[in-house]
Amino acid sequence: MKVGDRVASSAPHSEYAVVNVDHAVKVPENVSDEEATFATLAATVMNGVPDWQTLSWEKASWL
């Protein structure tokens, strides 16, 4: 990656952000901004799936 490349990351929502290169992925030219945003959102959601699979209803009284 180089300065000026269009990237997706888990940085806070902003037009510009400074992140480590290992926390960003270059967005290909044929991928729209909307598609790139969805991929980041999907990765964030999927990160929580293993936690939900092991959660028992007794422990989830806050739900």
C-alpha atoms as a PDB file:
ATOM      1  CA  MET A   1       0.000   0.000   0.000  1.00  0.00           C
ATOM      2  CA  LYS A   2       1.018   3.579  -0.543  1.00  0.00           C
ATOM      3  CA  VAL A   3      -0.205   7.007   0.482  1.00  0.00           C
ATOM      4  CA  GLY A   4      -3.409   7.809  -1.385  1.00  0.00           C
ATOM      5  CA  ASP A   5      -4.603   4.209  -1.790  1.00  0.00           C
ATOM      6  CA  ARG A   6      -8.254   3.614  -0.951  1.00  0.00           C
ATOM      7  CA  VAL A   7      -8.364   1.298   2.057  1.00  0.00           C
ATOM      8  CA  ALA A   8     -10.839  -0.172   4.523  1.00  0.00           C
ATOM      9  CA  SER A   9     -10.042  -0.504   8.213  1.00  0.00           C
ATOM     10  CA  SER A  10     -11.635  -0.723  11.607  1.00  0.00           C
ATOM     11  CA  ALA A  11     -10.663   2.870  12.387  1.00  0.00           C
ATOM     12  CA  PRO A  12     -13.330   5.201  13.787  1.00  0.00           C
ATOM     13  CA  HIS A  13     -15.706   6.579  11.165  1.00  0.00           C
ATOM     14  CA  SER A  14     -13.979   9.448   9.391  1.00  0.00           C
ATOM     15  CA  GLU A  15     -12.892  10.554   5.983  1.00  0.00           C
ATOM     16  CA  TYR A  16      -9.225  10.311   6.969  1.00  0.00           C
ATOM     17  CA  ALA A  17      -7.540   8.158   9.617  1.00  0.00           C
ATOM     18  CA  VAL A  18      -4.051   7.010  10.550  1.00  0.00           C
ATOM     19  CA  VAL A  19      -3.809   3.257  11.185  1.00  0.00           C
ATOM     20  CA  ASN A  20      -1.089   0.641  11.142  1.00  0.00           C
ATOM     21  CA  VAL A  21      -0.759  -1.051   7.776  1.00  0.00           C
ATOM     22  CA  ASP A  22      -1.695  -4.400   9.350  1.00  0.00           C
ATOM     23  CA  HIS A  23      -5.084  -2.924  10.356  1.00  0.00           C
ATOM     24  CA  ALA A  24      -6.058  -1.907   6.823  1.00  0.00           C
ATOM     25  CA  VAL A  25      -6.749  -3.615   3.533  1.00  0.00           C
ATOM     26  CA  LYS A  26      -6.514  -2.057   0.077  1.00  0.00           C
ATOM     27  CA  VAL A  27      -9.894  -1.756  -1.640  1.00  0.00           C
ATOM     28  CA  PRO A  28      -9.765  -2.946  -5.275  1.00  0.00           C
ATOM     29  CA  GLU A  29     -10.853  -0.475  -7.966  1.00  0.00           C
ATOM     30  CA  ASN A  30     -13.850  -2.640  -8.922  1.00  0.00           C
ATOM     31  CA  VAL A  31     -15.266  -2.552  -5.362  1.00  0.00           C
ATOM     32  CA  SER A  32     -17.580   0.339  -4.467  1.00  0.00           C
ATOM     33  CA  ASP A  33     -17.331   2.298  -1.226  1.00  0.00           C
ATOM     34  CA  GLU A  34     -20.602   0.715  -0.097  1.00  0.00           C
ATOM     35  CA  GLU A  35     -19.298  -2.810  -0.707  1.00  0.00           C
ATOM     36  CA  ALA A  36     -16.041  -2.045   1.101  1.00  0.00           C
ATOM     37  CA  THR A  37     -17.960  -0.644   4.067  1.00  0.00           C
ATOM     38  CA  PHE A  38     -20.173  -3.730   4.223  1.00  0.00           C
ATOM     39  CA  ALA A  39     -17.136  -6.026   4.256  1.00  0.00           C
ATOM     40  CA  THR A  40     -15.741  -4.164   7.271  1.00  0.00           C
ATOM     41  CA  LEU A  41     -19.114  -4.326   9.040  1.00  0.00           C
ATOM     42  CA  ALA A  42     -19.490  -8.029   8.258  1.00  0.00           C
ATOM     43  CA  ALA A  43     -16.013  -8.770   9.633  1.00  0.00           C
ATOM     44  CA  THR A  44     -16.859  -6.900  12.841  1.00  0.00           C
ATOM     45  CA  VAL A  45     -20.112  -8.829  13.261  1.00  0.00           C
ATOM     46  CA  MET A  46     -18.491 -12.184  12.515  1.00  0.00           C
ATOM     47  CA  ASN A  47     -15.876 -11.439  15.164  1.00  0.00           C
ATOM     48  CA  GLY A  48     -18.659 -11.601  17.756  1.00  0.00           C
ATOM     49  CA  VAL A  49     -20.313 -14.810  16.501  1.00  0.00           C
ATOM     50  CA  PRO A  50     -18.136 -17.246  18.506  1.00  0.00           C
ATOM     51  CA  ASP A  51     -19.103 -15.386  21.710  1.00  0.00           C
ATOM     52  CA  TRP A  52     -22.825 -15.766  20.959  1.00  0.00           C
ATOM     53  CA  GLN A  53     -22.444 -19.467  20.207  1.00  0.00           C
ATOM     54  CA  THR A  54     -21.108 -20.149  23.714  1.00  0.00           C
ATOM     55  CA  LEU A  55     -23.494 -17.825  25.535  1.00  0.00           C
ATOM     56  CA  SER A  56     -26.073 -19.571  27.689  1.00  0.00           C
ATOM     57  CA  TRP A  57     -29.479 -17.998  28.316  1.00  0.00           C
ATOM     58  CA  GLU A  58     -28.879 -18.097  32.077  1.00  0.00           C
ATOM     59  CA  LYS A  59     -25.826 -15.871  31.639  1.00  0.00           C
ATOM     60  CA  ALA A  60     -27.709 -13.601  29.211  1.00  0.00           C
ATOM     61  CA  SER A  61     -30.313 -12.243  31.602  1.00  0.00           C
ATOM     62  CA  TRP A  62     -29.593  -8.775  30.239  1.00  0.00           C
ATOM     63  CA  LEU A  63     -31.063  -9.726  26.837  1.00  0.00           C
END
